[in-house]
Amino acid sequence: MKTTPPGYTVSIEGITEPTSFRFLADALASLWSTLRTLPLGWTQYEAYRYFFGPGAADRTAAFLARDGQLRLTFVLLGRTRLLRVAPATQGPFQLAPVTLQLLTTPEVAALRLDAPDDRPHETARCA
């Protein structure tokens, strides 16, 4: 008989620090919140919305029960990134959804959609 793990760890390789949560739903909400700040293409966004949007805890729990962990990849700036959800055996555990801690690298800073930048933005034209 499988036992429920004491928590869950989520991370995005090269983008976030691994973070552990007491509850799977909180871990997935935090992961999805962070993914939405990255410049994912439409197809990747929709695929990850399936995994981490409504009903995500049940789908992910089934993956974890079957495979032991959930490992997904996506391409960002020409590099394959590994997104991981796995049972955690020790804390400290976050007790509510939180923004995942981004790595402090220039590459990560350049990826954030909500980061201020000096690039010109296209303006909408009215007909």
N, C-alpha and C. Protein backbone atom coordinates (compact mmCIF):
# COMPACT_ATOMS: atom_id res chain seq x y z
N MET A 1 0.84 -1.18 0.00
CA MET A 1 0.00 0.00 0.00
C MET A 1 0.89 1.25 0.00
N LYS A 2 0.60 2.17 -0.93
CA LYS A 2 1.38 3.39 -0.99
C LYS A 2 0.93 4.36 0.09
N THR A 3 1.89 5.08 0.63
CA THR A 3 1.56 6.08 1.63
C THR A 3 1.65 7.47 1.01
N THR A 4 0.94 8.40 1.58
CA THR A 4 0.99 9.77 1.09
C THR A 4 2.28 10.41 1.55
N PRO A 5 3.02 11.04 0.64
CA PRO A 5 4.27 11.68 1.05
C PRO A 5 3.97 12.88 1.95
N PRO A 6 4.93 13.28 2.75
CA PRO A 6 4.70 14.43 3.63
C PRO A 6 4.62 15.75 2.89
N GLY A 7 5.07 15.79 1.63
CA GLY A 7 5.02 17.03 0.86
C GLY A 7 5.45 16.80 -0.57
N TYR A 8 5.60 17.91 -1.31
CA TYR A 8 5.92 17.85 -2.73
C TYR A 8 6.91 18.95 -3.05
N THR A 9 7.89 18.63 -3.90
CA THR A 9 8.88 19.62 -4.33
C THR A 9 8.68 19.89 -5.81
N VAL A 10 8.71 21.18 -6.17
CA VAL A 10 8.58 21.59 -7.56
C VAL A 10 9.77 22.45 -7.93
N SER A 11 10.15 22.40 -9.19
CA SER A 11 11.24 23.26 -9.67
C SER A 11 11.20 23.36 -11.19
N ILE A 12 11.81 24.43 -11.69
CA ILE A 12 12.03 24.60 -13.12
C ILE A 12 13.53 24.75 -13.27
N GLU A 13 14.15 23.76 -13.87
CA GLU A 13 15.61 23.72 -14.00
C GLU A 13 16.15 24.98 -14.65
N GLY A 14 17.12 25.59 -14.00
CA GLY A 14 17.77 26.77 -14.53
C GLY A 14 16.98 28.05 -14.36
N ILE A 15 15.77 27.97 -13.75
CA ILE A 15 14.93 29.15 -13.59
C ILE A 15 14.54 29.39 -12.14
N THR A 16 14.18 28.33 -11.41
CA THR A 16 13.76 28.50 -10.02
C THR A 16 14.55 27.60 -9.08
N GLU A 17 14.53 27.99 -7.83
CA GLU A 17 15.04 27.12 -6.78
C GLU A 17 14.00 26.03 -6.52
N PRO A 18 14.39 24.82 -6.18
CA PRO A 18 13.41 23.82 -5.77
C PRO A 18 12.70 24.33 -4.50
N THR A 19 11.39 24.16 -4.47
CA THR A 19 10.60 24.61 -3.34
C THR A 19 9.65 23.49 -2.93
N SER A 20 9.55 23.24 -1.64
CA SER A 20 8.70 22.16 -1.14
C SER A 20 7.44 22.72 -0.49
N PHE A 21 6.35 22.00 -0.70
CA PHE A 21 5.04 22.40 -0.19
C PHE A 21 4.42 21.21 0.55
N ARG A 22 3.61 21.52 1.51
CA ARG A 22 2.92 20.48 2.26
C ARG A 22 1.86 19.82 1.39
N PHE A 23 1.17 20.62 0.57
CA PHE A 23 0.05 20.11 -0.21
C PHE A 23 0.31 20.23 -1.71
N LEU A 24 -0.08 19.21 -2.45
CA LEU A 24 0.14 19.17 -3.88
C LEU A 24 -0.54 20.33 -4.60
N ALA A 25 -1.77 20.65 -4.24
CA ALA A 25 -2.48 21.75 -4.89
C ALA A 25 -1.72 23.07 -4.75
N ASP A 26 -1.14 23.32 -3.59
CA ASP A 26 -0.36 24.55 -3.38
C ASP A 26 0.92 24.54 -4.22
N ALA A 27 1.56 23.40 -4.32
CA ALA A 27 2.77 23.28 -5.13
C ALA A 27 2.47 23.57 -6.60
N LEU A 28 1.38 23.01 -7.09
CA LEU A 28 1.03 23.19 -8.49
C LEU A 28 0.56 24.61 -8.78
N ALA A 29 -0.17 25.22 -7.86
CA ALA A 29 -0.60 26.61 -8.04
C ALA A 29 0.62 27.53 -8.10
N SER A 30 1.60 27.27 -7.27
CA SER A 30 2.82 28.09 -7.27
C SER A 30 3.60 27.89 -8.56
N LEU A 31 3.70 26.67 -9.01
CA LEU A 31 4.40 26.37 -10.26
C LEU A 31 3.71 27.05 -11.44
N TRP A 32 2.39 26.95 -11.52
CA TRP A 32 1.64 27.54 -12.62
C TRP A 32 1.76 29.07 -12.58
N SER A 33 1.70 29.64 -11.40
CA SER A 33 1.85 31.09 -11.26
C SER A 33 3.21 31.54 -11.82
N THR A 34 4.24 30.79 -11.54
CA THR A 34 5.58 31.13 -12.03
C THR A 34 5.69 30.92 -13.54
N LEU A 35 5.17 29.81 -14.04
CA LEU A 35 5.22 29.55 -15.48
C LEU A 35 4.53 30.65 -16.28
N ARG A 36 3.45 31.20 -15.74
CA ARG A 36 2.71 32.24 -16.47
C ARG A 36 3.51 33.53 -16.60
N THR A 37 4.58 33.71 -15.83
CA THR A 37 5.41 34.91 -15.96
C THR A 37 6.48 34.74 -17.03
N LEU A 38 6.61 33.54 -17.57
CA LEU A 38 7.64 33.27 -18.57
C LEU A 38 7.06 33.39 -19.98
N PRO A 39 7.89 33.73 -20.94
CA PRO A 39 7.40 33.91 -22.31
C PRO A 39 7.21 32.58 -23.05
N LEU A 40 6.24 31.81 -22.59
CA LEU A 40 5.92 30.56 -23.26
C LEU A 40 5.12 30.86 -24.52
N GLY A 41 5.32 30.07 -25.54
CA GLY A 41 4.48 30.19 -26.72
C GLY A 41 3.09 29.68 -26.41
N TRP A 42 2.13 29.95 -27.31
CA TRP A 42 0.75 29.58 -27.08
C TRP A 42 0.60 28.08 -26.84
N THR A 43 1.24 27.26 -27.67
CA THR A 43 1.11 25.81 -27.54
C THR A 43 1.64 25.32 -26.20
N GLN A 44 2.80 25.81 -25.80
CA GLN A 44 3.37 25.41 -24.50
C GLN A 44 2.47 25.90 -23.36
N TYR A 45 1.98 27.14 -23.47
CA TYR A 45 1.12 27.69 -22.43
C TYR A 45 -0.12 26.81 -22.24
N GLU A 46 -0.78 26.45 -23.34
CA GLU A 46 -1.99 25.63 -23.26
C GLU A 46 -1.68 24.23 -22.71
N ALA A 47 -0.56 23.66 -23.10
CA ALA A 47 -0.19 22.35 -22.57
C ALA A 47 0.03 22.41 -21.07
N TYR A 48 0.72 23.42 -20.60
CA TYR A 48 0.97 23.55 -19.17
C TYR A 48 -0.28 23.97 -18.41
N ARG A 49 -1.18 24.68 -19.06
CA ARG A 49 -2.46 25.00 -18.41
C ARG A 49 -3.22 23.70 -18.14
N TYR A 50 -3.14 22.75 -19.05
CA TYR A 50 -3.77 21.44 -18.82
C TYR A 50 -3.16 20.77 -17.59
N PHE A 51 -1.84 20.76 -17.50
CA PHE A 51 -1.19 20.09 -16.39
C PHE A 51 -1.37 20.82 -15.06
N PHE A 52 -1.38 22.15 -15.09
CA PHE A 52 -1.34 22.90 -13.83
C PHE A 52 -2.54 23.81 -13.59
N GLY A 53 -3.51 23.81 -14.51
CA GLY A 53 -4.71 24.60 -14.33
C GLY A 53 -5.76 23.84 -13.54
N PRO A 54 -7.05 24.12 -13.77
CA PRO A 54 -8.13 23.46 -13.02
C PRO A 54 -8.03 21.94 -13.08
N GLY A 55 -8.21 21.29 -11.95
CA GLY A 55 -8.13 19.84 -11.85
C GLY A 55 -6.73 19.28 -11.82
N ALA A 56 -5.73 20.14 -11.72
CA ALA A 56 -4.33 19.71 -11.80
C ALA A 56 -3.94 18.74 -10.69
N ALA A 57 -4.43 18.96 -9.48
CA ALA A 57 -4.00 18.11 -8.36
C ALA A 57 -4.37 16.65 -8.61
N ASP A 58 -5.56 16.41 -9.11
CA ASP A 58 -5.98 15.02 -9.38
C ASP A 58 -5.16 14.39 -10.49
N ARG A 59 -4.95 15.14 -11.59
CA ARG A 59 -4.14 14.59 -12.70
C ARG A 59 -2.71 14.32 -12.26
N THR A 60 -2.13 15.27 -11.55
CA THR A 60 -0.74 15.12 -11.13
C THR A 60 -0.60 14.01 -10.10
N ALA A 61 -1.54 13.90 -9.18
CA ALA A 61 -1.51 12.80 -8.20
C ALA A 61 -1.50 11.45 -8.91
N ALA A 62 -2.26 11.32 -9.99
CA ALA A 62 -2.28 10.07 -10.75
C ALA A 62 -0.92 9.80 -11.39
N PHE A 63 -0.29 10.84 -11.96
CA PHE A 63 1.06 10.69 -12.52
C PHE A 63 2.04 10.26 -11.45
N LEU A 64 1.98 10.91 -10.29
CA LEU A 64 2.92 10.60 -9.21
C LEU A 64 2.72 9.18 -8.70
N ALA A 65 1.47 8.75 -8.59
CA ALA A 65 1.20 7.39 -8.12
C ALA A 65 1.74 6.35 -9.11
N ARG A 66 1.64 6.66 -10.38
CA ARG A 66 2.09 5.72 -11.41
C ARG A 66 3.60 5.77 -11.63
N ASP A 67 4.16 6.99 -11.73
CA ASP A 67 5.56 7.15 -12.15
C ASP A 67 6.51 7.61 -11.05
N GLY A 68 5.98 8.03 -9.92
CA GLY A 68 6.84 8.47 -8.82
C GLY A 68 7.20 9.94 -8.88
N GLN A 69 7.19 10.54 -10.07
CA GLN A 69 7.45 11.96 -10.24
C GLN A 69 6.89 12.38 -11.59
N LEU A 70 6.70 13.68 -11.75
CA LEU A 70 6.26 14.23 -13.02
C LEU A 70 7.38 15.08 -13.56
N ARG A 71 7.86 14.74 -14.75
CA ARG A 71 8.95 15.48 -15.40
C ARG A 71 8.45 15.90 -16.77
N LEU A 72 8.44 17.20 -17.00
CA LEU A 72 8.01 17.77 -18.26
C LEU A 72 9.10 18.70 -18.76
N THR A 73 9.20 18.85 -20.06
CA THR A 73 10.20 19.77 -20.62
C THR A 73 9.53 20.79 -21.51
N PHE A 74 10.20 21.91 -21.66
CA PHE A 74 9.80 22.92 -22.61
C PHE A 74 11.04 23.64 -23.08
N VAL A 75 10.94 24.29 -24.22
CA VAL A 75 12.08 25.01 -24.78
C VAL A 75 11.86 26.50 -24.56
N LEU A 76 12.90 27.14 -24.04
CA LEU A 76 12.87 28.57 -23.80
C LEU A 76 14.23 29.13 -24.13
N LEU A 77 14.27 30.08 -25.04
CA LEU A 77 15.52 30.69 -25.51
C LEU A 77 16.51 29.64 -26.01
N GLY A 78 15.99 28.68 -26.75
CA GLY A 78 16.85 27.68 -27.37
C GLY A 78 17.37 26.60 -26.44
N ARG A 79 16.94 26.60 -25.18
CA ARG A 79 17.38 25.57 -24.23
C ARG A 79 16.19 24.78 -23.73
N THR A 80 16.38 23.49 -23.61
CA THR A 80 15.34 22.65 -23.03
C THR A 80 15.39 22.80 -21.52
N ARG A 81 14.24 23.06 -20.94
CA ARG A 81 14.12 23.23 -19.48
C ARG A 81 13.32 22.06 -18.91
N LEU A 82 13.74 21.56 -17.77
CA LEU A 82 13.05 20.47 -17.10
C LEU A 82 12.22 21.03 -15.96
N LEU A 83 10.96 20.70 -15.98
CA LEU A 83 10.04 21.07 -14.92
C LEU A 83 9.77 19.79 -14.14
N ARG A 84 9.88 19.85 -12.82
CA ARG A 84 9.79 18.62 -12.03
C ARG A 84 8.85 18.80 -10.85
N VAL A 85 8.00 17.79 -10.64
CA VAL A 85 7.14 17.69 -9.45
C VAL A 85 7.43 16.32 -8.86
N ALA A 86 7.82 16.29 -7.59
CA ALA A 86 8.18 15.02 -6.96
C ALA A 86 7.79 15.03 -5.49
N PRO A 87 7.53 13.86 -4.95
CA PRO A 87 7.28 13.80 -3.51
C PRO A 87 8.51 14.29 -2.74
N ALA A 88 8.27 14.95 -1.64
CA ALA A 88 9.35 15.44 -0.79
C ALA A 88 9.31 14.68 0.52
N THR A 89 10.46 14.30 1.00
CA THR A 89 10.52 13.54 2.24
C THR A 89 10.85 14.41 3.45
N GLN A 90 11.37 15.62 3.19
CA GLN A 90 11.68 16.50 4.30
C GLN A 90 11.46 17.95 3.91
N GLY A 91 11.21 18.78 4.91
CA GLY A 91 10.90 20.20 4.70
C GLY A 91 12.14 21.04 4.74
N PRO A 92 11.98 22.31 4.93
CA PRO A 92 10.74 22.96 5.35
C PRO A 92 9.72 23.02 4.22
N PHE A 93 8.44 22.99 4.59
CA PHE A 93 7.36 23.01 3.64
C PHE A 93 6.62 24.33 3.69
N GLN A 94 6.31 24.86 2.50
CA GLN A 94 5.42 26.01 2.41
C GLN A 94 4.01 25.50 2.71
N LEU A 95 3.25 26.28 3.44
CA LEU A 95 1.90 25.85 3.82
C LEU A 95 0.81 26.48 2.97
N ALA A 96 1.20 27.31 2.01
CA ALA A 96 0.26 27.96 1.10
C ALA A 96 1.01 28.25 -0.20
N PRO A 97 0.27 28.52 -1.28
CA PRO A 97 0.95 28.86 -2.54
C PRO A 97 1.81 30.12 -2.37
N VAL A 98 2.99 30.09 -2.95
CA VAL A 98 3.91 31.23 -2.95
C VAL A 98 4.56 31.31 -4.32
N THR A 99 5.06 32.47 -4.66
CA THR A 99 5.82 32.60 -5.89
C THR A 99 7.14 31.85 -5.71
N LEU A 100 7.49 31.03 -6.68
CA LEU A 100 8.74 30.29 -6.59
C LEU A 100 9.91 31.26 -6.68
N GLN A 101 10.95 30.99 -5.94
CA GLN A 101 12.14 31.84 -5.93
C GLN A 101 12.90 31.66 -7.24
N LEU A 102 12.98 32.74 -8.01
CA LEU A 102 13.72 32.69 -9.26
C LEU A 102 15.21 32.76 -8.98
N LEU A 103 15.98 32.10 -9.80
CA LEU A 103 17.43 32.19 -9.70
C LEU A 103 17.84 33.62 -10.05
N THR A 104 18.88 34.09 -9.44
CA THR A 104 19.33 35.46 -9.70
C THR A 104 20.45 35.43 -10.75
N THR A 105 20.02 35.19 -11.98
CA THR A 105 20.96 35.18 -13.10
C THR A 105 20.45 36.16 -14.15
N PRO A 106 21.34 36.71 -14.96
CA PRO A 106 20.89 37.61 -16.03
C PRO A 106 19.93 36.91 -16.99
N GLU A 107 20.16 35.64 -17.26
CA GLU A 107 19.30 34.91 -18.17
C GLU A 107 17.87 34.84 -17.64
N VAL A 108 17.71 34.57 -16.36
CA VAL A 108 16.37 34.50 -15.77
C VAL A 108 15.73 35.87 -15.75
N ALA A 109 16.48 36.89 -15.42
CA ALA A 109 15.94 38.25 -15.40
C ALA A 109 15.41 38.64 -16.78
N ALA A 110 16.08 38.22 -17.83
CA ALA A 110 15.66 38.54 -19.19
C ALA A 110 14.40 37.79 -19.61
N LEU A 111 14.10 36.67 -18.95
CA LEU A 111 12.95 35.85 -19.32
C LEU A 111 11.63 36.36 -18.76
N ARG A 112 11.67 37.07 -17.68
CA ARG A 112 10.45 37.45 -16.98
C ARG A 112 9.62 38.43 -17.77
N LEU A 113 8.37 38.10 -17.97
CA LEU A 113 7.46 38.97 -18.70
C LEU A 113 7.11 40.23 -17.92
N ASP A 114 7.12 40.14 -16.61
CA ASP A 114 6.71 41.28 -15.80
C ASP A 114 7.88 42.15 -15.38
N ALA A 115 9.08 41.82 -15.85
CA ALA A 115 10.26 42.62 -15.51
C ALA A 115 10.28 43.87 -16.38
N PRO A 116 10.65 45.00 -15.81
CA PRO A 116 10.75 46.20 -16.63
C PRO A 116 11.87 46.05 -17.65
N ASP A 117 11.69 46.64 -18.79
CA ASP A 117 12.75 46.59 -19.79
C ASP A 117 12.77 47.90 -20.57
N ASP A 118 13.78 48.08 -21.39
CA ASP A 118 13.94 49.29 -22.17
C ASP A 118 13.57 49.09 -23.63
N ARG A 119 13.01 47.93 -23.95
CA ARG A 119 12.67 47.66 -25.34
C ARG A 119 11.45 48.47 -25.74
N PRO A 120 11.42 48.96 -26.98
CA PRO A 120 10.23 49.68 -27.43
C PRO A 120 9.08 48.69 -27.59
N HIS A 121 7.89 49.11 -27.23
CA HIS A 121 6.72 48.27 -27.36
C HIS A 121 5.88 48.74 -28.52
N GLU A 122 5.38 47.78 -29.29
CA GLU A 122 4.54 48.12 -30.43
C GLU A 122 3.24 48.72 -29.92
N THR A 123 2.80 49.77 -30.51
CA THR A 123 1.54 50.39 -30.11
C THR A 123 0.44 49.94 -31.04
N ALA A 124 -0.75 49.84 -30.48
CA ALA A 124 -1.91 49.41 -31.29
C ALA A 124 -2.33 50.55 -32.20
N ARG A 125 -2.74 50.20 -33.39
CA ARG A 125 -3.18 51.21 -34.35
C ARG A 125 -4.69 51.09 -34.52
N CYS A 126 -5.35 52.19 -34.50
CA CYS A 126 -6.79 52.21 -34.72
C CYS A 126 -7.05 52.56 -36.18
N ALA A 127 -8.01 51.88 -36.76
CA ALA A 127 -8.34 52.15 -38.18
C ALA A 127 -9.29 53.31 -38.29
